[in-house]
Amino acid sequence: MSSMRKVTAALIGAGQRGAEAYASYGLAYPDEIQFVAVAERDPVRRERFKQAHNLPEQHAYANCGCPCKVISSPSQRRIIGIEPI
């Protein structure tokens, strides 16, 4: 039995990097990480992520307003910032 606690996170950017590279880990290892929200401007990507991770509508955002963020936008468009939780 693992002593690691399950992490909950919100994903910003549900494109190829976010949904397929990072968030797919949550689907493969649900005892380790659970994505509880998504912020994605594209409505098709947002809906696809919402369905895959069984998120309620109120946790699928067109913009980011979540305290914990996984940044998965393309490197050249990324702005890094840290904010307290």
N, C-alpha and C. Protein backbone atom coordinates (compact mmCIF):
# COMPACT_ATOMS: atom_id res chain seq x y z
N MET A 1 0.84 -1.19 0.00
CA MET A 1 0.00 0.00 0.00
C MET A 1 0.88 1.24 0.00
N SER A 2 0.58 2.18 -0.86
CA SER A 2 1.35 3.40 -0.99
C SER A 2 1.00 4.37 0.13
N SER A 3 2.01 5.12 0.59
CA SER A 3 1.78 6.12 1.62
C SER A 3 1.55 7.50 0.99
N MET A 4 1.58 7.56 -0.34
CA MET A 4 1.39 8.82 -1.04
C MET A 4 -0.08 9.23 -1.01
N ARG A 5 -0.31 10.51 -0.70
CA ARG A 5 -1.68 11.02 -0.71
C ARG A 5 -2.11 11.36 -2.12
N LYS A 6 -3.37 11.19 -2.41
CA LYS A 6 -3.93 11.54 -3.71
C LYS A 6 -3.91 13.06 -3.86
N VAL A 7 -3.48 13.52 -5.01
CA VAL A 7 -3.41 14.94 -5.32
C VAL A 7 -4.62 15.30 -6.17
N THR A 8 -5.22 16.45 -5.88
CA THR A 8 -6.27 16.97 -6.74
C THR A 8 -5.71 18.20 -7.45
N ALA A 9 -6.09 18.38 -8.71
CA ALA A 9 -5.54 19.48 -9.50
C ALA A 9 -6.55 19.97 -10.52
N ALA A 10 -6.31 21.18 -11.00
CA ALA A 10 -7.06 21.75 -12.11
C ALA A 10 -6.11 21.86 -13.29
N LEU A 11 -6.60 21.60 -14.47
CA LEU A 11 -5.79 21.67 -15.68
C LEU A 11 -6.13 22.92 -16.47
N ILE A 12 -5.10 23.66 -16.86
CA ILE A 12 -5.28 24.82 -17.73
C ILE A 12 -4.73 24.43 -19.09
N GLY A 13 -5.59 24.38 -20.06
CA GLY A 13 -5.18 24.02 -21.40
C GLY A 13 -5.37 22.54 -21.66
N ALA A 14 -6.50 22.16 -22.23
CA ALA A 14 -6.81 20.76 -22.46
C ALA A 14 -6.53 20.34 -23.90
N GLY A 15 -5.43 20.83 -24.43
CA GLY A 15 -5.00 20.43 -25.76
C GLY A 15 -4.18 19.16 -25.69
N GLN A 16 -3.33 18.97 -26.68
CA GLN A 16 -2.54 17.73 -26.75
C GLN A 16 -1.66 17.55 -25.52
N ARG A 17 -0.91 18.56 -25.14
CA ARG A 17 0.00 18.42 -23.99
C ARG A 17 -0.78 18.23 -22.70
N GLY A 18 -1.78 19.06 -22.49
CA GLY A 18 -2.52 18.99 -21.23
C GLY A 18 -3.37 17.75 -21.08
N ALA A 19 -4.22 17.50 -22.05
CA ALA A 19 -5.16 16.38 -21.94
C ALA A 19 -4.51 15.03 -22.19
N GLU A 20 -3.58 14.98 -23.14
CA GLU A 20 -3.00 13.68 -23.50
C GLU A 20 -1.72 13.35 -22.74
N ALA A 21 -0.91 14.34 -22.43
CA ALA A 21 0.34 14.05 -21.72
C ALA A 21 0.15 14.07 -20.20
N TYR A 22 -0.36 15.17 -19.67
CA TYR A 22 -0.48 15.30 -18.22
C TYR A 22 -1.72 14.63 -17.66
N ALA A 23 -2.87 14.99 -18.17
CA ALA A 23 -4.12 14.50 -17.58
C ALA A 23 -4.37 13.03 -17.84
N SER A 24 -3.78 12.47 -18.86
CA SER A 24 -3.95 11.03 -19.09
C SER A 24 -3.34 10.23 -17.94
N TYR A 25 -2.37 10.80 -17.26
CA TYR A 25 -1.79 10.16 -16.08
C TYR A 25 -2.87 9.98 -15.02
N GLY A 26 -3.72 10.98 -14.87
CA GLY A 26 -4.82 10.89 -13.90
C GLY A 26 -5.81 9.79 -14.22
N LEU A 27 -6.01 9.54 -15.51
CA LEU A 27 -6.91 8.45 -15.90
C LEU A 27 -6.25 7.09 -15.67
N ALA A 28 -4.94 7.03 -15.88
CA ALA A 28 -4.21 5.78 -15.69
C ALA A 28 -3.94 5.47 -14.22
N TYR A 29 -3.78 6.51 -13.41
CA TYR A 29 -3.45 6.34 -11.98
C TYR A 29 -4.38 7.17 -11.11
N PRO A 30 -5.67 6.81 -11.08
CA PRO A 30 -6.65 7.62 -10.33
C PRO A 30 -6.43 7.65 -8.82
N ASP A 31 -5.65 6.73 -8.29
CA ASP A 31 -5.36 6.77 -6.85
C ASP A 31 -4.26 7.77 -6.52
N GLU A 32 -3.58 8.30 -7.54
CA GLU A 32 -2.49 9.24 -7.31
C GLU A 32 -2.88 10.69 -7.59
N ILE A 33 -3.64 10.91 -8.65
CA ILE A 33 -4.04 12.28 -9.00
C ILE A 33 -5.44 12.28 -9.59
N GLN A 34 -6.19 13.30 -9.24
CA GLN A 34 -7.54 13.47 -9.78
C GLN A 34 -7.69 14.91 -10.24
N PHE A 35 -8.02 15.08 -11.50
CA PHE A 35 -8.29 16.42 -12.01
C PHE A 35 -9.73 16.76 -11.67
N VAL A 36 -9.91 17.88 -10.97
CA VAL A 36 -11.23 18.26 -10.47
C VAL A 36 -11.80 19.47 -11.19
N ALA A 37 -11.00 20.07 -12.09
CA ALA A 37 -11.47 21.22 -12.86
C ALA A 37 -10.60 21.37 -14.11
N VAL A 38 -11.17 22.04 -15.10
CA VAL A 38 -10.44 22.33 -16.33
C VAL A 38 -10.77 23.75 -16.77
N ALA A 39 -9.76 24.45 -17.27
CA ALA A 39 -9.94 25.75 -17.91
C ALA A 39 -9.42 25.62 -19.33
N GLU A 40 -10.32 25.75 -20.29
CA GLU A 40 -9.97 25.60 -21.70
C GLU A 40 -10.89 26.48 -22.53
N ARG A 41 -10.31 27.34 -23.38
CA ARG A 41 -11.12 28.25 -24.19
C ARG A 41 -11.92 27.52 -25.26
N ASP A 42 -11.34 26.46 -25.83
CA ASP A 42 -12.02 25.73 -26.90
C ASP A 42 -13.13 24.87 -26.31
N PRO A 43 -14.39 25.11 -26.69
CA PRO A 43 -15.50 24.37 -26.08
C PRO A 43 -15.47 22.86 -26.36
N VAL A 44 -14.96 22.45 -27.51
CA VAL A 44 -14.88 21.02 -27.83
C VAL A 44 -13.86 20.33 -26.92
N ARG A 45 -12.70 20.93 -26.78
CA ARG A 45 -11.68 20.35 -25.89
C ARG A 45 -12.15 20.34 -24.45
N ARG A 46 -12.79 21.44 -24.05
CA ARG A 46 -13.30 21.54 -22.67
C ARG A 46 -14.31 20.43 -22.39
N GLU A 47 -15.23 20.22 -23.31
CA GLU A 47 -16.25 19.18 -23.13
C GLU A 47 -15.63 17.79 -23.13
N ARG A 48 -14.67 17.55 -24.02
CA ARG A 48 -14.00 16.24 -24.09
C ARG A 48 -13.31 15.93 -22.75
N PHE A 49 -12.61 16.91 -22.21
CA PHE A 49 -11.92 16.72 -20.93
C PHE A 49 -12.93 16.51 -19.80
N LYS A 50 -13.97 17.31 -19.81
CA LYS A 50 -15.02 17.20 -18.78
C LYS A 50 -15.62 15.80 -18.77
N GLN A 51 -15.91 15.26 -19.92
CA GLN A 51 -16.48 13.92 -20.02
C GLN A 51 -15.48 12.85 -19.57
N ALA A 52 -14.24 12.96 -20.03
CA ALA A 52 -13.22 11.95 -19.70
C ALA A 52 -12.95 11.87 -18.20
N HIS A 53 -13.03 13.02 -17.51
CA HIS A 53 -12.70 13.08 -16.09
C HIS A 53 -13.93 13.21 -15.20
N ASN A 54 -15.11 13.02 -15.79
CA ASN A 54 -16.38 13.06 -15.04
C ASN A 54 -16.52 14.33 -14.20
N LEU A 55 -16.25 15.47 -14.83
CA LEU A 55 -16.36 16.74 -14.12
C LEU A 55 -17.76 17.32 -14.25
N PRO A 56 -18.27 17.93 -13.19
CA PRO A 56 -19.55 18.62 -13.31
C PRO A 56 -19.37 19.90 -14.15
N GLU A 57 -20.42 20.36 -14.75
CA GLU A 57 -20.37 21.56 -15.61
C GLU A 57 -19.74 22.75 -14.90
N GLN A 58 -20.02 22.91 -13.62
CA GLN A 58 -19.51 24.08 -12.89
C GLN A 58 -18.00 24.01 -12.64
N HIS A 59 -17.36 22.91 -13.00
CA HIS A 59 -15.90 22.80 -12.86
C HIS A 59 -15.19 22.81 -14.21
N ALA A 60 -15.90 23.23 -15.26
CA ALA A 60 -15.32 23.34 -16.60
C ALA A 60 -15.41 24.80 -17.01
N TYR A 61 -14.26 25.49 -17.02
CA TYR A 61 -14.21 26.94 -17.21
C TYR A 61 -13.68 27.30 -18.60
N ALA A 62 -14.20 28.41 -19.14
CA ALA A 62 -13.68 28.94 -20.38
C ALA A 62 -12.44 29.79 -20.11
N ASN A 63 -12.24 30.19 -18.86
CA ASN A 63 -11.03 30.90 -18.45
C ASN A 63 -10.59 30.34 -17.10
N CYS A 64 -9.47 30.78 -16.60
CA CYS A 64 -8.91 30.18 -15.39
C CYS A 64 -9.27 30.96 -14.13
N GLY A 65 -9.86 30.27 -13.19
CA GLY A 65 -10.17 30.87 -11.91
C GLY A 65 -9.98 29.87 -10.79
N CYS A 66 -9.01 28.98 -10.94
CA CYS A 66 -8.79 27.89 -9.99
C CYS A 66 -7.53 28.14 -9.16
N PRO A 67 -7.51 27.72 -7.89
CA PRO A 67 -6.33 27.96 -7.04
C PRO A 67 -5.13 27.07 -7.36
N CYS A 68 -5.32 25.88 -7.85
CA CYS A 68 -4.21 24.98 -8.19
C CYS A 68 -4.19 24.83 -9.70
N LYS A 69 -3.03 25.06 -10.31
CA LYS A 69 -2.97 25.07 -11.76
C LYS A 69 -1.89 24.15 -12.29
N VAL A 70 -2.21 23.38 -13.33
CA VAL A 70 -1.23 22.64 -14.12
C VAL A 70 -1.19 23.36 -15.45
N ILE A 71 -0.07 23.98 -15.77
CA ILE A 71 0.04 24.76 -16.99
C ILE A 71 0.52 23.86 -18.11
N SER A 72 -0.28 23.75 -19.16
CA SER A 72 0.05 22.84 -20.25
C SER A 72 -0.08 23.50 -21.62
N SER A 73 -0.05 24.82 -21.63
CA SER A 73 -0.08 25.52 -22.91
C SER A 73 1.27 25.38 -23.60
N PRO A 74 1.34 25.61 -24.91
CA PRO A 74 2.63 25.49 -25.60
C PRO A 74 3.69 26.39 -24.95
N SER A 75 4.91 25.91 -24.88
CA SER A 75 5.99 26.60 -24.18
C SER A 75 6.15 28.05 -24.59
N GLN A 76 6.07 28.34 -25.87
CA GLN A 76 6.29 29.70 -26.34
C GLN A 76 5.18 30.66 -25.95
N ARG A 77 4.03 30.15 -25.50
CA ARG A 77 2.91 31.01 -25.11
C ARG A 77 2.70 31.01 -23.59
N ARG A 78 3.57 30.36 -22.85
CA ARG A 78 3.36 30.17 -21.42
C ARG A 78 3.87 31.37 -20.61
N ILE A 79 3.06 31.77 -19.64
CA ILE A 79 3.46 32.77 -18.67
C ILE A 79 3.43 32.08 -17.33
N ILE A 80 4.56 31.99 -16.67
CA ILE A 80 4.65 31.28 -15.40
C ILE A 80 4.40 32.24 -14.24
N GLY A 81 3.57 31.82 -13.34
CA GLY A 81 3.30 32.59 -12.14
C GLY A 81 2.93 31.67 -11.02
N ILE A 82 3.30 32.03 -9.82
CA ILE A 82 2.98 31.23 -8.65
C ILE A 82 2.08 32.07 -7.77
N GLU A 83 1.03 31.47 -7.30
CA GLU A 83 0.14 32.18 -6.39
C GLU A 83 -0.14 31.29 -5.20
N PRO A 84 -0.33 31.90 -4.05
CA PRO A 84 -0.61 31.09 -2.85
C PRO A 84 -1.94 30.39 -2.96
N ILE A 85 -2.00 29.24 -2.33
CA ILE A 85 -3.24 28.46 -2.31
C ILE A 85 -4.01 28.80 -1.05
